[in-house]
Amino acid sequence: MLARLNHIQLLRYSGLFTWAVVGVPLLYLWMLPLAGVDEAAAGLRPRPWQGWAAYAAFGISYAWLTRGLDVRRRTVGDYALLLVLTVAAISVSYYAENGLGSVLLMLAACLLPWLLPLPLGIAWLAGSQFAMVPVFVRGFDFTLPEAMMQSVLYAGFSLFVFLTSLVARQQAQARDEQRRLNAELRATRALLGESVRVNERTRISRELHDLLGHHLTALSLNLEVAGHLAEGRVKDHVQQAHTLARLLLTDVREAVSHLREGGAIDLAAALRPLAENVPSLDIRMEIEAPLTLDDPERAHVLLRCTQEIITNTVRHSGAHHLWIHAERVRDCIVVSARDDGRGADQLVAGNGLRGMRERLAQHGGALQIDTRPDAGFSLTLTLPVSAATAACEGVTA
C-alpha cells in the first residue's frame, strides 16, 4: 500500500498520524476531571480550551499546506499558514503547559525545505524552537539555562527532521530532472532517427538517379541507334528492347521522386516526446498534421527551442499548464507557446532566450516574447522551411 504513495503523500499522511497521536495525551489530560482525578494532587494543571483550539488549527493548517505541496505554486497564503502552524504548535504547549508543542514543531520543520529557501528555513526552525523557552520557564518552572538546554535539545531533533526532508526534496527534484532529461533524450533520438531515415532515402535516390538513370539513358540511346540500323525481325526485337528501356527509365525516375517526397522529417514525432513525464507541468501540444521539414538542421533548431521553452517554464515561471501550438504558415514553421505562470513586469533575457534567438537568427528565423505580471509568459518563434525561403517577416500563428 505504501508503495502506491509518493513522497508528498507519505509526508502528508505520516504527519497527520503524528498530529493525531499527539492529541491522545492531550485528550487524556483533559478527561482527568471527568474521571474524578484530583489534578492538583496529581501534580497536573488544568488544560483550557485554547489549547484544543491551537491543536485543531495546527492540524487544519498542516493538512492544507501538504495538499499538492510539490506541484502547486507558492502563495502568500502558504506562508501565512506556515506562521499559523508555528504559532499553533507553541500555543499548544503554552496553554496545555507541556512539551507536546515541541513535537508539533518537528512536524512543521519537515515542511520548511518545501516552502522556504534553505537559510530562511534554518532561521525559522531555530526561531520557533527558542520561542519555546518562555513556555518551559512558565509551564515547567525551569530556570532560564534549563529552558535553553531543553530548546536546544528539541532544536537538534527538529534539525534532523529538517535535513531529512531536505534530502527527500532534493531527491525528488533529481528524479524530476531525470524524467525531463529522459524526455529530451527520447525527442532527440526520434529526431536522429528521422534524420537518418531522410539521409538514407536521399542517398538511395541519388544513387538510383546517378547510376541507373545514367546507364538506362545510355542504353535507350544505343537501342534507338540500333533500331535504325537493324532490319527485319532483328529490328522488331530492338524496338521492343528500346521500349522496355524507356519504361524502366520512367520507373526509376518515379522511384527517385517518391523517395525524395517521402524524405521529410515528421516534426510531430520529434516534438511530442518532449511533453512526456514533465514534472509539475501539464503540457498540451497541438501540432498540425502533417507538419514536415526537409532540412534536418532546421528540425534540430525547432527541437532545441521547444526544449528550452519547456525547461524555462518548469524552472522559472511557476506555471501549472503550458500550451504549445505548431503549424506551417506559408513558407515558415510557426511555434507559439504560452503558460499560466507568474509572468514578469520587465523581461530579462537569460542564456536560454539568447540562445534561442541566436539559433533562429542563423537560419533566418525570429522570436517574439510577450509577458506581463500575473498574465503568464508567451512567445512565438518562426523559422523558414529552407535557406531559399525569405525571412519570415510578419508571420503570426
Protein backbone atom coordinates (compact mmCIF):
# COMPACT_ATOMS: atom_id res chain seq x y z
CA MET A 1 0.00 0.00 0.00
CA LEU A 2 2.78 2.42 0.92
CA ALA A 3 4.41 1.78 -2.45
CA ARG A 4 1.43 3.45 -4.12
CA LEU A 5 2.04 6.74 -2.28
CA ASN A 6 4.51 9.34 -3.50
CA HIS A 7 6.84 11.26 -1.20
CA ILE A 8 4.41 14.13 -0.64
CA GLN A 9 1.54 11.79 0.24
CA LEU A 10 3.77 9.92 2.69
CA LEU A 11 4.78 13.24 4.27
CA ARG A 12 1.15 14.29 4.48
CA TYR A 13 -0.30 11.13 5.99
CA SER A 14 2.58 10.39 8.37
CA GLY A 15 2.40 13.97 9.65
CA LEU A 16 -1.35 13.81 10.19
CA PHE A 17 -0.91 10.48 12.01
CA THR A 18 1.71 12.04 14.31
CA TRP A 19 -0.61 15.00 14.90
CA ALA A 20 -3.43 12.61 15.88
CA VAL A 21 -1.11 10.69 18.22
CA VAL A 22 -0.13 13.95 19.94
CA GLY A 23 -3.82 14.51 20.61
CA VAL A 24 -4.07 11.31 22.66
CA PRO A 25 -2.21 12.60 25.76
CA LEU A 26 -3.97 15.94 25.41
CA LEU A 27 -7.30 14.15 25.47
CA TYR A 28 -6.20 12.04 28.43
CA LEU A 29 -5.21 15.08 30.47
CA TRP A 30 -8.44 16.83 29.50
CA MET A 31 -10.54 13.86 30.62
CA LEU A 32 -8.93 13.59 34.08
CA PRO A 33 -11.50 15.81 35.83
CA LEU A 34 -14.34 13.72 34.37
CA ALA A 35 -12.72 10.62 35.83
CA GLY A 36 -12.72 12.17 39.30
CA VAL A 37 -8.94 12.53 39.50
CA ASP A 38 -7.67 15.35 41.69
CA GLU A 39 -5.42 17.23 39.27
CA ALA A 40 -3.78 19.28 41.99
CA ALA A 41 -2.91 16.16 43.95
CA ALA A 42 -1.64 14.51 40.78
CA GLY A 43 0.64 17.47 40.09
CA LEU A 44 -1.26 18.39 36.94
CA ARG A 45 -2.64 21.73 35.84
CA PRO A 46 -5.91 22.49 34.09
CA ARG A 47 -5.99 22.46 30.28
CA PRO A 48 -8.01 25.40 28.94
CA TRP A 49 -9.98 25.18 25.69
CA GLN A 50 -7.46 27.46 23.90
CA GLY A 51 -5.03 24.55 23.82
CA TRP A 52 -7.53 22.45 21.87
CA ALA A 53 -8.21 25.34 19.51
CA ALA A 54 -4.47 25.66 18.81
CA TYR A 55 -4.21 21.89 18.33
CA ALA A 56 -7.07 21.94 15.78
CA ALA A 57 -5.57 24.96 13.99
CA PHE A 58 -2.28 23.10 13.62
CA GLY A 59 -3.94 20.04 12.09
CA ILE A 60 -6.02 22.06 9.64
CA SER A 61 -3.03 24.17 8.59
CA TYR A 62 -0.81 21.12 8.12
CA ALA A 63 -3.43 19.30 6.05
CA TRP A 64 -3.90 22.34 3.80
CA LEU A 65 -0.18 23.05 3.36
CA THR A 66 0.63 19.47 2.36
CA ARG A 67 -2.11 19.43 -0.30
CA GLY A 68 -0.20 19.13 -3.58
CA LEU A 69 2.92 20.56 -1.97
CA ASP A 70 5.19 19.56 -4.85
CA VAL A 71 3.04 20.81 -7.74
CA ARG A 72 1.13 23.90 -6.72
CA ARG A 73 2.50 27.42 -6.82
CA ARG A 74 3.59 29.07 -3.56
CA THR A 75 1.33 31.91 -2.46
CA VAL A 76 1.23 34.41 0.36
CA GLY A 77 -1.46 32.23 1.93
CA ASP A 78 1.02 29.35 2.25
CA TYR A 79 3.45 31.49 4.21
CA ALA A 80 0.61 32.80 6.38
CA LEU A 81 -0.45 29.21 7.13
CA LEU A 82 3.15 28.33 7.99
CA LEU A 83 3.10 31.13 10.54
CA VAL A 84 -0.24 29.87 11.90
CA LEU A 85 1.25 26.36 12.07
CA THR A 86 4.22 27.55 14.12
CA VAL A 87 2.21 29.75 16.45
CA ALA A 88 -0.35 26.98 16.98
CA ALA A 89 2.37 24.49 17.98
CA ILE A 90 3.81 26.93 20.52
CA SER A 91 0.30 27.71 21.79
CA VAL A 92 -0.41 24.03 22.46
CA SER A 93 2.49 23.91 24.90
CA TYR A 94 1.65 27.33 26.33
CA TYR A 95 -1.99 26.57 27.16
CA ALA A 96 -1.62 22.86 27.94
CA GLU A 97 1.61 23.54 29.87
CA ASN A 98 3.53 20.56 28.48
CA GLY A 99 6.15 19.85 25.84
CA LEU A 100 3.85 18.44 23.14
CA GLY A 101 4.13 21.66 21.16
CA SER A 102 7.81 20.91 20.50
CA VAL A 103 6.79 17.62 18.91
CA LEU A 104 4.42 19.54 16.64
CA LEU A 105 7.25 21.92 15.75
CA MET A 106 9.15 18.91 14.43
CA LEU A 107 6.26 18.34 12.02
CA ALA A 108 6.50 21.97 10.98
CA ALA A 109 10.26 21.51 10.43
CA CYS A 110 9.66 18.85 7.78
CA LEU A 111 7.65 21.37 5.71
CA LEU A 112 10.24 24.16 5.83
CA PRO A 113 12.50 22.83 2.99
CA TRP A 114 9.48 22.69 0.67
CA LEU A 115 8.28 26.22 1.45
CA LEU A 116 11.33 28.35 2.26
CA PRO A 117 14.89 28.82 0.97
CA LEU A 118 17.49 26.93 2.98
CA PRO A 119 18.90 29.86 5.05
CA LEU A 120 15.43 31.20 5.86
CA GLY A 121 14.20 27.70 6.71
CA ILE A 122 17.01 27.14 9.22
CA ALA A 123 16.40 30.56 10.75
CA TRP A 124 12.67 29.81 11.02
CA LEU A 125 13.41 26.46 12.69
CA ALA A 126 15.79 27.98 15.26
CA GLY A 127 13.45 30.89 16.00
CA SER A 128 10.42 28.66 16.55
CA GLN A 129 12.29 26.32 18.88
CA PHE A 130 13.77 29.10 21.01
CA ALA A 131 10.34 30.73 21.19
CA MET A 132 9.51 27.75 23.43
CA VAL A 133 11.93 28.99 26.14
CA PRO A 134 9.29 31.16 27.93
CA VAL A 135 6.85 28.23 27.77
CA PHE A 136 9.34 25.94 29.51
CA VAL A 137 10.03 28.57 32.15
CA ARG A 138 6.33 29.11 32.83
CA GLY A 139 4.96 25.62 32.39
CA PHE A 140 7.72 23.55 33.95
CA ASP A 141 9.23 26.04 36.36
CA PHE A 142 12.58 25.63 34.57
CA THR A 143 15.35 28.09 35.13
CA LEU A 144 16.41 30.03 32.06
CA PRO A 145 19.52 27.87 31.43
CA GLU A 146 17.42 24.71 31.79
CA ALA A 147 14.80 26.06 29.38
CA MET A 148 17.54 26.96 26.88
CA MET A 149 19.02 23.46 27.06
CA GLN A 150 15.58 21.95 26.57
CA SER A 151 15.02 24.11 23.50
CA VAL A 152 18.45 23.19 22.12
CA LEU A 153 17.58 19.51 22.58
CA TYR A 154 14.32 19.82 20.64
CA ALA A 155 16.06 22.02 18.07
CA GLY A 156 18.52 19.18 17.41
CA PHE A 157 15.66 16.76 16.80
CA SER A 158 13.92 19.30 14.55
CA LEU A 159 17.13 19.90 12.60
CA PHE A 160 17.39 16.18 11.91
CA VAL A 161 13.80 16.17 10.63
CA PHE A 162 14.53 19.29 8.57
CA LEU A 163 17.61 17.79 6.91
CA THR A 164 15.83 14.50 6.23
CA SER A 165 13.03 16.39 4.50
CA LEU A 166 15.60 18.49 2.61
CA VAL A 167 17.29 15.35 1.28
CA ALA A 168 13.89 13.96 0.25
CA ARG A 169 13.12 17.19 -1.62
CA GLN A 170 16.50 17.15 -3.39
CA GLN A 171 15.98 13.53 -4.42
CA ALA A 172 12.51 14.37 -5.71
CA GLN A 173 13.95 17.24 -7.74
CA ALA A 174 16.68 14.95 -9.09
CA ARG A 175 14.07 12.40 -10.17
CA ASP A 176 12.01 15.11 -11.83
CA GLU A 177 15.09 16.42 -13.62
CA GLN A 178 15.94 12.87 -14.72
CA ARG A 179 12.45 12.38 -16.15
CA ARG A 180 12.73 15.68 -18.02
CA LEU A 181 16.14 14.75 -19.41
CA ASN A 182 14.82 11.34 -20.44
CA ALA A 183 12.02 13.07 -22.35
CA GLU A 184 14.57 15.28 -24.10
CA LEU A 185 16.68 12.22 -24.89
CA ARG A 186 13.71 10.42 -26.43
CA ALA A 187 12.88 13.50 -28.51
CA THR A 188 16.49 13.80 -29.69
CA ARG A 189 16.57 10.09 -30.53
CA ALA A 190 13.35 10.43 -32.50
CA LEU A 191 14.78 13.37 -34.45
CA LEU A 192 18.01 11.46 -35.04
CA GLY A 193 16.02 8.50 -36.33
CA GLU A 194 14.08 10.77 -38.65
CA SER A 195 17.29 12.42 -39.87
CA VAL A 196 18.93 9.06 -40.53
CA ARG A 197 15.87 7.90 -42.43
CA VAL A 198 15.80 11.09 -44.53
CA ASN A 199 19.53 10.93 -45.26
CA GLU A 200 19.35 7.26 -46.27
CA ARG A 201 16.40 7.85 -48.58
CA THR A 202 18.20 10.81 -50.14
CA ARG A 203 21.36 8.74 -50.64
CA ILE A 204 19.44 5.90 -52.27
CA SER A 205 17.55 8.30 -54.55
CA ARG A 206 20.82 9.90 -55.65
CA GLU A 207 22.38 6.51 -56.36
CA LEU A 208 19.37 5.44 -58.41
CA HIS A 209 19.36 8.70 -60.31
CA ASP A 210 23.10 8.92 -60.93
CA LEU A 211 23.85 5.26 -61.68
CA LEU A 212 20.77 3.53 -63.00
CA GLY A 213 19.38 6.65 -64.63
CA HIS A 214 22.63 7.39 -66.43
CA HIS A 215 23.10 3.83 -67.69
CA LEU A 216 19.47 3.40 -68.72
CA THR A 217 19.60 6.67 -70.66
CA ALA A 218 22.74 5.48 -72.48
CA LEU A 219 21.12 2.11 -73.13
CA SER A 220 18.00 3.74 -74.55
CA LEU A 221 20.06 5.92 -76.91
CA ASN A 222 22.08 2.94 -78.14
CA LEU A 223 18.94 0.89 -78.72
CA GLU A 224 17.43 3.77 -80.67
CA VAL A 225 20.52 3.87 -82.92
CA ALA A 226 20.43 0.09 -83.27
CA GLY A 227 16.79 0.30 -84.30
CA HIS A 228 17.71 2.50 -87.23
CA LEU A 229 20.48 0.16 -88.35
CA ALA A 230 18.69 -3.15 -87.88
CA GLU A 231 16.37 -4.75 -90.41
CA GLY A 232 13.70 -7.43 -90.39
CA ARG A 233 12.87 -9.34 -87.24
CA VAL A 234 16.00 -8.02 -85.52
CA LYS A 235 14.63 -4.50 -85.80
CA ASP A 236 11.39 -5.55 -84.09
CA HIS A 237 13.28 -7.01 -81.13
CA VAL A 238 15.49 -3.93 -80.85
CA GLN A 239 12.47 -1.63 -80.84
CA GLN A 240 10.85 -3.79 -78.15
CA ALA A 241 14.01 -3.61 -76.07
CA HIS A 242 14.08 0.17 -76.59
CA THR A 243 10.50 0.46 -75.35
CA LEU A 244 11.29 -1.61 -72.24
CA ALA A 245 14.38 0.52 -71.53
CA ARG A 246 12.29 3.72 -71.68
CA LEU A 247 9.67 2.19 -69.36
CA LEU A 248 12.37 1.14 -66.92
CA LEU A 249 13.88 4.65 -67.02
CA THR A 250 10.43 6.11 -66.25
CA ASP A 251 10.01 3.71 -63.31
CA VAL A 252 13.41 4.68 -61.93
CA ARG A 253 12.55 8.38 -62.14
CA GLU A 254 9.23 7.77 -60.34
CA ALA A 255 11.01 5.77 -57.64
CA VAL A 256 13.55 8.57 -57.16
CA SER A 257 10.77 11.17 -56.92
CA HIS A 258 8.89 9.02 -54.41
CA LEU A 259 11.98 8.59 -52.24
CA ARG A 260 12.61 12.32 -52.21
CA GLU A 261 8.99 13.18 -51.45
CA GLY A 262 8.93 10.72 -48.54
CA GLY A 263 12.18 12.03 -47.10
CA ALA A 264 10.70 14.82 -45.00
CA ILE A 265 11.08 14.83 -41.20
CA ASP A 266 7.88 14.41 -39.18
CA LEU A 267 8.10 17.23 -36.62
CA ALA A 268 5.24 15.84 -34.53
CA ALA A 269 7.16 12.59 -33.93
CA ALA A 270 10.20 14.61 -32.87
CA LEU A 271 8.46 17.16 -30.62
CA ARG A 272 5.81 15.13 -28.79
CA PRO A 273 8.27 13.13 -26.61
CA LEU A 274 9.34 16.44 -25.02
CA ALA A 275 5.92 16.74 -23.36
CA GLU A 276 6.02 13.29 -21.74
CA ASN A 277 6.67 12.86 -17.99
CA VAL A 278 7.47 16.51 -17.32
CA PRO A 279 7.08 17.01 -13.54
CA SER A 280 4.56 19.51 -12.12
CA LEU A 281 3.61 20.81 -15.57
CA ASP A 282 0.69 19.87 -17.82
CA ILE A 283 1.88 20.32 -21.43
CA ARG A 284 -0.70 20.35 -24.19
CA MET A 285 0.70 20.17 -27.71
CA GLU A 286 -1.28 20.95 -30.83
CA ILE A 287 0.75 20.13 -33.95
CA GLU A 288 -0.62 20.49 -37.45
CA ALA A 289 -0.89 17.18 -39.29
CA PRO A 290 1.12 16.61 -41.30
CA LEU A 291 3.91 19.00 -40.32
CA THR A 292 7.14 18.08 -42.08
CA LEU A 293 10.50 19.67 -42.73
CA ASP A 294 13.11 18.63 -45.29
CA ASP A 295 16.14 20.13 -43.54
CA PRO A 296 17.33 18.07 -40.52
CA GLU A 297 19.34 21.01 -39.19
CA ARG A 298 16.28 23.27 -39.08
CA ALA A 299 14.28 20.49 -37.44
CA HIS A 300 17.02 20.31 -34.80
CA VAL A 301 16.70 24.06 -34.19
CA LEU A 302 12.94 23.69 -33.59
CA LEU A 303 13.56 20.76 -31.25
CA ARG A 304 16.09 22.68 -29.15
CA CYS A 305 13.92 25.79 -29.00
CA THR A 306 10.88 23.79 -27.88
CA GLN A 307 13.02 22.02 -25.33
CA GLU A 308 14.24 25.37 -23.98
CA ILE A 309 10.65 26.64 -23.74
CA ILE A 310 9.66 23.68 -21.57
CA THR A 311 12.80 23.94 -19.42
CA ASN A 312 12.29 27.66 -18.74
CA THR A 313 8.63 27.11 -17.89
CA VAL A 314 9.48 24.39 -15.36
CA ARG A 315 12.33 26.29 -13.72
CA HIS A 316 11.22 29.91 -13.74
CA SER A 317 7.53 30.50 -14.47
CA GLY A 318 5.78 28.67 -11.63
CA ALA A 319 3.14 27.63 -14.17
CA HIS A 320 0.80 24.65 -13.99
CA HIS A 321 -0.06 24.49 -17.70
CA LEU A 322 1.85 25.08 -20.93
CA TRP A 323 0.20 25.24 -24.35
CA ILE A 324 2.35 24.71 -27.46
CA HIS A 325 0.97 25.09 -30.99
CA ALA A 326 2.97 24.35 -34.15
CA GLU A 327 1.85 24.86 -37.73
CA ARG A 328 3.07 25.83 -41.17
CA VAL A 329 2.20 29.35 -42.32
CA ARG A 330 3.14 29.90 -45.94
CA ASP A 331 6.85 29.01 -46.15
CA CYS A 332 7.55 29.17 -42.42
CA ILE A 333 7.13 26.91 -39.41
CA VAL A 334 5.46 28.85 -36.58
CA VAL A 335 5.61 27.60 -32.98
CA SER A 336 3.68 29.53 -30.35
CA ALA A 337 3.76 28.80 -26.62
CA ARG A 338 2.08 30.29 -23.57
CA ASP A 339 1.82 29.37 -19.90
CA ASP A 340 -0.24 30.37 -16.86
CA GLY A 341 2.77 31.32 -14.75
CA ARG A 342 3.54 34.43 -12.78
CA GLY A 343 4.88 36.41 -15.74
CA ALA A 344 7.16 39.41 -15.31
CA ASP A 345 6.93 43.18 -15.32
CA GLN A 346 10.20 43.54 -17.22
CA LEU A 347 11.74 40.85 -19.39
CA VAL A 348 15.32 39.92 -18.57
CA ALA A 349 16.66 37.59 -21.27
CA GLY A 350 18.85 34.83 -19.88
CA ASN A 351 21.16 32.44 -21.66
CA GLY A 352 18.25 30.26 -22.75
CA LEU A 353 16.34 33.02 -24.55
CA ARG A 354 19.50 34.46 -26.06
CA GLY A 355 20.46 31.02 -27.31
CA MET A 356 17.03 30.61 -28.94
CA ARG A 357 17.35 33.97 -30.71
CA GLU A 358 20.83 33.07 -31.96
CA ARG A 359 19.76 29.64 -33.26
CA LEU A 360 16.80 31.12 -35.11
CA ALA A 361 18.72 34.09 -36.47
CA GLN A 362 21.33 31.79 -38.02
CA HIS A 363 18.59 30.25 -40.16
CA GLY A 364 16.59 33.41 -40.92
CA GLY A 365 14.06 32.95 -38.09
CA ALA A 366 12.79 35.27 -35.38
CA LEU A 367 11.50 35.18 -31.79
CA GLN A 368 8.75 37.35 -30.27
CA ILE A 369 8.12 37.45 -26.50
CA ASP A 370 5.21 38.86 -24.52
CA THR A 371 4.86 38.79 -20.73
CA ARG A 372 3.08 40.73 -18.01
CA PRO A 373 2.79 40.28 -14.24
CA ASP A 374 0.29 37.53 -13.33
CA ALA A 375 -0.50 37.07 -17.05
CA GLY A 376 1.91 34.29 -17.87
CA PHE A 377 4.60 34.15 -20.50
CA SER A 378 4.05 33.73 -24.22
CA LEU A 379 6.36 33.60 -27.19
CA THR A 380 6.21 32.94 -30.91
CA LEU A 381 9.09 31.65 -32.97
CA THR A 382 9.16 31.49 -36.75
CA LEU A 383 11.58 29.61 -38.95
CA PRO A 384 11.78 29.42 -42.76
CA VAL A 385 11.43 25.89 -44.10
CA SER A 386 14.54 26.25 -46.26
CA ALA A 387 17.52 28.50 -46.83
CA ALA A 388 16.00 29.65 -50.10
CA THR A 389 12.94 30.99 -48.28
CA ALA A 390 12.98 34.64 -47.29
CA ALA A 391 12.94 35.58 -43.63
CA CYS A 392 9.53 35.19 -42.02
CA GLU A 393 8.51 38.77 -41.51
CA GLY A 394 5.03 39.48 -40.25
CA VAL A 395 4.10 35.82 -39.98
CA THR A 396 1.87 35.02 -36.99
CA ALA A 397 0.34 31.81 -35.80
